[in-house]
């Protein structure tokens, strides 16, 4: 068919990777990639990205509604985080979160993640560039937590995605096809648990992307054209089991931390699938050391992607009040794609 029609379908697949990673019965491991790569692997915080994209087993991870909603049960002050990043291929991204304590044992938080393309060329039948689209994807989280004991907390978050192809004007002007730019996913559910065993060890369990539909699978149909002249696609998010572990110690008097996570993506439209061919496993590991007071260096690996990071803590004094702030930087190299991201900057702070 027309090149531009093909481009629409391609754009739909690219822009909605996070929600349409799998299609049909999604039984092929090679069809995963999307949701993990586009949102979760790209992190919700620069601090966590710099140490291998690990954050589920650390009470200081922000935004907690994204990393592990149970972490919200350990909040004592109002916390705010803002992250921006620029990656190869003119990709932009960022995250924002705000969270705080409710009563004595509960916490609540909101998070938004954003990924976009600044320069997506629109090509006509004669292979001519007729314009530039700027497709983007965003995801929203609303999390709640209950701290059952001093060591344990349980969390629940609701998430929803929204993506926009930014290409309908070209289809209408050139071919008279009335297309949809915006697509929204149904609400999905994430449940979690966190435990601080002692001063050194912590652990977490997060189950992501459950739905209210059959088999608890998050699926929905995306039809890019209102008259069905273009092929529709099926958005699907795989169920994810994420287990995290944290360890804190000192080496030569310097605080040193190690973080590990194992993730299982179930690529099957069933409640439980025991066939290993219907699962994809990956791991993350990260280390950080406070080399001097307030300054931290980080290194990590998410699957085969390498990360480096650094952070510095300081305070702003307003009258008699002190407002803790932290600036973080991360460098990411995506080994399989040969892409690197030299600019990821994050700012986080607390309001006592």
Protein backbone atom coordinates (compact mmCIF):
# COMPACT_ATOMS: atom_id res chain seq x y z
CA UNK A 1 0.00 0.00 0.00
CA UNK A 2 1.00 3.61 0.21
CA UNK A 3 4.34 4.42 1.80
CA UNK A 4 2.70 6.84 4.17
CA UNK A 5 0.21 4.23 5.26
CA UNK A 6 3.09 1.92 6.03
CA UNK A 7 4.76 4.73 7.89
CA UNK A 8 1.69 5.17 10.07
CA UNK A 9 1.76 1.52 11.06
CA UNK A 10 5.51 1.76 11.70
CA UNK A 11 5.07 4.90 13.76
CA UNK A 12 2.33 3.21 15.74
CA UNK A 13 4.65 0.36 16.57
CA UNK A 14 7.57 2.63 17.46
CA UNK A 15 5.65 5.20 19.49
CA UNK A 16 3.66 2.64 21.46
CA UNK A 17 6.44 0.18 22.20
CA UNK A 18 5.72 0.37 25.88
CA UNK A 19 2.16 -0.77 25.44
CA UNK A 20 2.29 -2.96 22.35
CA UNK A 21 5.38 -5.05 22.96
CA UNK A 22 3.58 -8.26 22.08
CA UNK A 23 0.95 -9.13 19.51
CA UNK A 24 -1.67 -11.86 19.15
CA UNK A 25 -1.04 -14.75 21.56
CA UNK A 26 2.48 -13.29 22.00
CA UNK A 27 4.34 -16.55 22.13
CA UNK A 28 7.69 -15.45 20.72
CA UNK A 29 10.46 -14.19 22.95
CA UNK A 30 11.72 -11.95 20.16
CA UNK A 31 8.47 -10.00 20.33
CA UNK A 32 9.07 -8.73 23.86
CA UNK A 33 11.48 -5.79 23.94
CA UNK A 34 9.04 -2.93 23.83
CA UNK A 35 7.67 -2.27 27.30
CA UNK A 36 10.90 -3.24 28.99
CA UNK A 37 13.04 -1.24 26.61
CA UNK A 38 10.94 1.84 26.16
CA UNK A 39 9.86 2.63 29.70
CA UNK A 40 11.06 0.35 32.46
CA UNK A 41 14.61 -0.12 31.18
CA UNK A 42 14.91 3.60 30.51
CA UNK A 43 14.26 4.22 34.18
CA UNK A 44 12.05 6.54 36.18
CA UNK A 45 14.95 8.26 37.92
CA UNK A 46 18.48 9.34 37.01
CA UNK A 47 19.88 8.31 40.39
CA UNK A 48 18.65 4.74 39.88
CA UNK A 49 19.62 4.68 36.21
CA UNK A 50 23.26 5.40 37.07
CA UNK A 51 23.50 2.19 39.09
CA UNK A 52 22.02 -0.24 36.59
CA UNK A 53 18.40 0.91 36.70
CA UNK A 54 17.89 -0.65 40.14
CA UNK A 55 15.45 0.89 42.59
CA UNK A 56 12.81 -1.51 43.87
CA UNK A 57 14.66 -2.48 47.08
CA UNK A 58 15.77 1.00 48.16
CA UNK A 59 13.52 3.16 50.34
CA UNK A 60 15.19 6.27 48.89
CA UNK A 61 14.19 5.45 45.28
CA UNK A 62 11.95 8.04 43.63
CA UNK A 63 9.34 8.17 42.26
CA UNK A 64 8.17 5.35 44.47
CA UNK A 65 4.86 4.96 42.62
CA UNK A 66 6.90 3.71 39.65
CA UNK A 67 9.73 1.77 41.30
CA UNK A 68 7.82 0.03 44.06
CA UNK A 69 4.65 1.53 45.58
CA UNK A 70 5.43 -0.14 48.93
CA UNK A 71 8.34 2.30 49.33
CA UNK A 72 5.79 5.08 49.82
CA UNK A 73 5.08 3.63 53.26
CA UNK A 74 8.52 4.79 54.42
CA UNK A 75 8.08 8.44 53.46
CA UNK A 76 8.36 11.01 56.24
CA UNK A 77 8.39 14.24 54.23
CA UNK A 78 6.98 15.51 50.96
CA UNK A 79 9.35 14.44 48.19
CA UNK A 80 9.65 15.73 44.62
CA UNK A 81 11.80 14.41 41.77
CA UNK A 82 12.36 15.72 38.24
CA UNK A 83 14.46 13.96 35.58
CA UNK A 84 15.33 14.90 32.01
CA UNK A 85 17.36 13.05 29.42
CA UNK A 86 18.44 13.21 25.81
CA UNK A 87 19.41 10.07 23.94
CA UNK A 88 20.74 9.14 20.51
CA UNK A 89 18.40 9.36 17.48
CA UNK A 90 16.90 12.62 18.77
CA UNK A 91 15.05 10.87 21.58
CA UNK A 92 13.93 12.81 24.61
CA UNK A 93 12.67 11.56 27.93
CA UNK A 94 12.00 12.42 31.51
CA UNK A 95 10.11 11.64 34.67
CA UNK A 96 8.34 13.56 37.39
CA UNK A 97 7.11 12.42 40.77
CA UNK A 98 5.64 13.76 43.98
CA UNK A 99 4.94 11.71 47.10
CA UNK A 100 4.45 11.96 50.82
CA UNK A 101 3.10 10.54 54.05
CA UNK A 102 -0.58 10.17 54.91
CA UNK A 103 -1.31 9.58 58.58
CA UNK A 104 1.07 7.43 60.59
CA UNK A 105 1.32 4.33 58.42
CA UNK A 106 0.37 5.25 54.87
CA UNK A 107 1.97 6.93 51.90
CA UNK A 108 0.75 8.12 48.52
CA UNK A 109 2.59 9.14 45.34
CA UNK A 110 2.18 10.15 41.71
CA UNK A 111 4.61 9.57 38.86
CA UNK A 112 4.70 10.43 35.16
CA UNK A 113 7.18 9.07 32.61
CA UNK A 114 7.71 10.58 29.17
CA UNK A 115 9.52 9.39 26.04
CA UNK A 116 9.43 11.13 22.67
CA UNK A 117 10.99 11.50 19.23
CA UNK A 118 11.94 15.02 18.13
CA UNK A 119 12.41 14.31 14.41
CA UNK A 120 10.36 11.50 12.85
CA UNK A 121 10.37 12.05 9.08
CA UNK A 122 7.08 11.68 7.18
CA UNK A 123 7.72 10.29 3.68
CA UNK A 124 5.27 10.20 0.75
CA UNK A 125 4.93 7.71 -2.13
CA UNK A 126 7.81 9.36 -4.02
CA UNK A 127 10.19 8.92 -1.07
CA UNK A 128 10.06 12.63 -0.38
CA UNK A 129 10.06 14.02 3.14
CA UNK A 130 6.88 16.05 3.47
CA UNK A 131 7.13 16.94 7.13
CA UNK A 132 8.28 16.00 10.57
CA UNK A 133 6.23 14.27 13.22
CA UNK A 134 6.98 14.29 16.93
CA UNK A 135 5.39 11.16 18.37
CA UNK A 136 5.53 10.73 22.13
CA UNK A 137 4.57 8.29 24.83
CA UNK A 138 3.67 8.99 28.45
CA UNK A 139 2.76 6.79 31.37
CA UNK A 140 1.10 7.70 34.65
CA UNK A 141 1.23 5.99 38.04
CA UNK A 142 -0.79 6.57 41.19
CA UNK A 143 0.53 4.58 44.15
CA UNK A 144 -0.53 3.81 47.71
CA UNK A 145 1.27 2.06 50.54
CA UNK A 146 0.59 0.73 54.00
CA UNK A 147 3.43 0.23 56.46
CA UNK A 148 2.43 -2.85 58.43
CA UNK A 149 5.47 -2.89 60.72
CA UNK A 150 8.69 -0.95 61.14
CA UNK A 151 10.27 -3.29 58.61
CA UNK A 152 7.45 -4.19 56.21
CA UNK A 153 5.25 -2.27 53.81
CA UNK A 154 2.77 -3.28 51.12
CA UNK A 155 1.98 -1.24 48.05
CA UNK A 156 -0.53 -0.88 45.23
CA UNK A 157 -0.35 1.36 42.17
CA UNK A 158 -2.56 1.99 39.15
CA UNK A 159 -0.97 2.85 35.82
CA UNK A 160 -2.18 4.03 32.43
CA UNK A 161 -0.36 4.94 29.22
CA UNK A 162 -1.06 7.56 26.58
CA UNK A 163 0.69 7.89 23.22
CA UNK A 164 0.33 10.29 20.29
CA UNK A 165 1.60 9.62 16.76
CA UNK A 166 1.39 13.27 15.59
CA UNK A 167 0.81 12.17 11.99
CA UNK A 168 -2.94 12.50 11.32
CA UNK A 169 -2.62 15.87 9.53
CA UNK A 170 -0.39 14.35 6.84
CA UNK A 171 -2.75 11.43 6.25
CA UNK A 172 -5.72 13.76 5.93
CA UNK A 173 -4.04 16.30 3.65
CA UNK A 174 -2.41 13.80 1.28
CA UNK A 175 -4.81 10.86 1.21
CA UNK A 176 -8.02 12.05 2.83
CA UNK A 177 -7.73 9.38 5.50
CA UNK A 178 -9.09 10.39 8.87
CA UNK A 179 -6.72 8.85 11.41
CA UNK A 180 -6.34 8.78 15.15
CA UNK A 181 -3.22 10.23 16.73
CA UNK A 182 -3.89 9.46 20.37
CA UNK A 183 -4.26 6.09 22.05
CA UNK A 184 -4.85 5.31 25.69
CA UNK A 185 -4.39 2.02 27.47
CA UNK A 186 -6.75 0.55 30.07
CA UNK A 187 -5.80 0.87 33.72
CA UNK A 188 -3.34 -1.74 34.94
CA UNK A 189 -2.43 -2.74 38.49
CA UNK A 190 0.93 -3.24 40.20
CA UNK A 191 1.24 -4.82 43.66
CA UNK A 192 4.35 -4.97 45.81
CA UNK A 193 6.02 -5.76 49.13
CA UNK A 194 9.16 -4.33 50.73
CA UNK A 195 11.09 -5.44 53.82
CA UNK A 196 14.07 -3.86 55.57
CA UNK A 197 15.52 -6.92 57.26
CA UNK A 198 18.21 -5.06 59.21
CA UNK A 199 20.69 -2.23 58.75
CA UNK A 200 22.34 -4.07 55.86
CA UNK A 201 19.77 -6.08 53.94
CA UNK A 202 16.52 -5.20 52.20
CA UNK A 203 14.33 -7.03 49.69
CA UNK A 204 11.34 -6.37 47.46
CA UNK A 205 8.81 -8.14 45.29
CA UNK A 206 6.82 -6.29 42.62
CA UNK A 207 4.19 -7.80 40.29
CA UNK A 208 3.51 -5.46 37.38
CA UNK A 209 0.92 -5.05 34.63
CA UNK A 210 -2.07 -6.95 35.93
CA UNK A 211 -5.42 -6.08 34.38
CA UNK A 212 -9.09 -6.43 35.19
CA UNK A 213 -9.68 -8.43 32.00
CA UNK A 214 -9.46 -12.16 31.23
CA UNK A 215 -6.36 -13.93 32.60
CA UNK A 216 -5.41 -10.62 34.23
CA UNK A 217 -3.72 -9.75 30.91
CA UNK A 218 -3.45 -6.11 29.86
CA UNK A 219 -4.60 -6.05 26.21
CA UNK A 220 -6.37 -3.53 24.03
CA UNK A 221 -6.91 -2.79 20.34
CA UNK A 222 -5.50 0.24 18.53
CA UNK A 223 -7.15 1.24 15.28
CA UNK A 224 -5.22 4.11 13.61
CA UNK A 225 -7.95 4.89 11.02
CA UNK A 226 -11.57 5.74 11.72
CA UNK A 227 -12.78 3.97 8.55
CA UNK A 228 -10.64 0.83 9.18
CA UNK A 229 -8.57 1.43 6.03
CA UNK A 230 -5.37 0.86 8.00
CA UNK A 231 -4.49 -2.28 9.85
CA UNK A 232 -5.13 -2.23 13.59
CA UNK A 233 -2.63 -3.36 16.18
CA UNK A 234 -3.01 -4.95 19.58
CA UNK A 235 -1.45 -3.33 22.59
CA UNK A 236 -0.26 -5.76 25.24
CA UNK A 237 1.84 -5.46 28.36
CA UNK A 238 3.50 -8.61 29.68
CA UNK A 239 3.01 -9.60 33.28
CA UNK A 240 6.23 -8.95 35.19
CA UNK A 241 7.62 -10.48 38.37
CA UNK A 242 10.42 -8.32 39.77
CA UNK A 243 12.51 -9.38 42.78
CA UNK A 244 15.02 -6.95 44.29
CA UNK A 245 17.76 -7.19 46.88
CA UNK A 246 19.82 -4.47 48.54
CA UNK A 247 23.00 -4.62 50.65
CA UNK A 248 24.67 -1.83 52.60
CA UNK A 249 28.18 -1.93 54.06
CA UNK A 250 31.41 0.01 54.45
CA UNK A 251 34.79 -0.43 52.82
CA UNK A 252 37.71 1.54 54.25
CA UNK A 253 35.19 3.64 56.13
CA UNK A 254 33.25 4.57 52.96
CA UNK A 255 29.55 3.66 52.61
CA UNK A 256 29.13 1.12 49.82
CA UNK A 257 25.84 -0.22 48.47
CA UNK A 258 24.97 -3.10 46.15
CA UNK A 259 21.65 -3.55 44.37
CA UNK A 260 20.38 -6.53 42.42
CA UNK A 261 17.14 -7.27 40.58
CA UNK A 262 15.79 -10.27 38.69
CA UNK A 263 12.85 -9.84 36.31
CA UNK A 264 10.60 -12.42 34.67
CA UNK A 265 8.42 -11.27 31.74
CA UNK A 266 5.60 -13.70 31.01
CA UNK A 267 4.97 -13.53 27.26
CA UNK A 268 1.73 -15.49 27.21
CA UNK A 269 -1.93 -14.57 27.43
CA UNK A 270 -2.60 -16.94 30.32
CA UNK A 271 -2.94 -16.47 34.05
CA UNK A 272 0.18 -18.54 34.66
CA UNK A 273 2.46 -20.09 32.05
CA UNK A 274 4.99 -22.70 33.15
CA UNK A 275 6.55 -23.23 29.73
CA UNK A 276 10.02 -21.56 29.85
CA UNK A 277 9.58 -20.60 26.19
CA UNK A 278 6.85 -18.21 27.31
CA UNK A 279 9.08 -16.32 29.73
CA UNK A 280 11.91 -13.85 29.28
CA UNK A 281 14.38 -13.36 32.12
CA UNK A 282 16.72 -10.48 32.65
CA UNK A 283 18.78 -9.05 35.48
CA UNK A 284 20.12 -5.77 36.80
CA UNK A 285 22.99 -5.03 39.14
CA UNK A 286 24.38 -1.79 40.51
CA UNK A 287 26.94 -0.45 42.97
CA UNK A 288 27.49 2.94 44.54
CA UNK A 289 30.00 4.43 46.94
CA UNK A 290 29.97 7.70 48.84
CA UNK A 291 33.57 8.62 48.01
CA UNK A 292 33.45 11.84 50.01
CA UNK A 293 30.67 13.16 52.23
CA UNK A 294 27.62 14.03 50.11
CA UNK A 295 29.23 12.87 46.82
CA UNK A 296 28.44 9.44 45.33
CA UNK A 297 29.77 7.52 42.34
CA UNK A 298 27.73 4.74 40.72
CA UNK A 299 28.14 1.94 38.18
CA UNK A 300 25.71 -0.71 36.99
CA UNK A 301 24.48 -2.97 34.25
CA UNK A 302 20.93 -3.65 33.05
CA UNK A 303 21.07 -6.82 30.99
CA UNK A 304 23.96 -5.87 28.63
CA UNK A 305 23.53 -2.11 28.92
CA UNK A 306 26.15 -0.25 30.93
CA UNK A 307 25.49 2.71 33.20
CA UNK A 308 27.66 5.19 35.06
CA UNK A 309 26.41 7.79 37.48
CA UNK A 310 27.27 10.45 40.02
CA UNK A 311 25.34 12.43 42.59
CA UNK A 312 25.81 15.22 45.08
CA UNK A 313 23.66 16.19 48.08
CA UNK A 314 23.34 19.70 49.47
CA UNK A 315 20.89 21.85 51.39
CA UNK A 316 19.10 25.10 50.79
CA UNK A 317 18.38 27.12 53.88
CA UNK A 318 15.26 29.28 53.96
CA UNK A 319 15.00 31.02 57.29
CA UNK A 320 15.42 28.35 59.90
CA UNK A 321 14.37 25.53 57.63
CA UNK A 322 16.72 23.32 55.61
CA UNK A 323 15.57 21.76 52.35
CA UNK A 324 17.64 18.68 51.31
CA UNK A 325 18.37 18.50 47.57
CA UNK A 326 20.28 16.05 45.41
CA UNK A 327 21.60 16.44 41.85
CA UNK A 328 22.27 13.26 39.86
CA UNK A 329 23.86 12.48 36.51
CA UNK A 330 23.82 9.22 34.51
CA UNK A 331 25.55 7.94 31.38
CA UNK A 332 24.03 5.02 29.49
CA UNK A 333 25.45 2.82 26.74
CA UNK A 334 23.00 0.44 25.04
CA UNK A 335 25.30 -2.38 23.95
CA UNK A 336 22.96 -4.30 21.65
CA UNK A 337 21.94 -1.18 19.72
CA UNK A 338 25.30 0.59 19.86
CA UNK A 339 23.65 3.74 21.19
CA UNK A 340 24.78 5.95 24.02
CA UNK A 341 23.10 8.64 26.06
CA UNK A 342 25.50 11.23 27.41
CA UNK A 343 22.93 13.45 29.07
CA UNK A 344 20.62 12.34 31.87
CA UNK A 345 20.15 14.80 34.70
CA UNK A 346 17.93 14.55 37.76
CA UNK A 347 16.98 16.75 40.70
CA UNK A 348 15.25 15.49 43.81
CA UNK A 349 14.43 17.03 47.15
CA UNK A 350 12.28 16.95 50.27
CA UNK A 351 10.08 19.51 51.94
CA UNK A 352 10.12 18.98 55.73
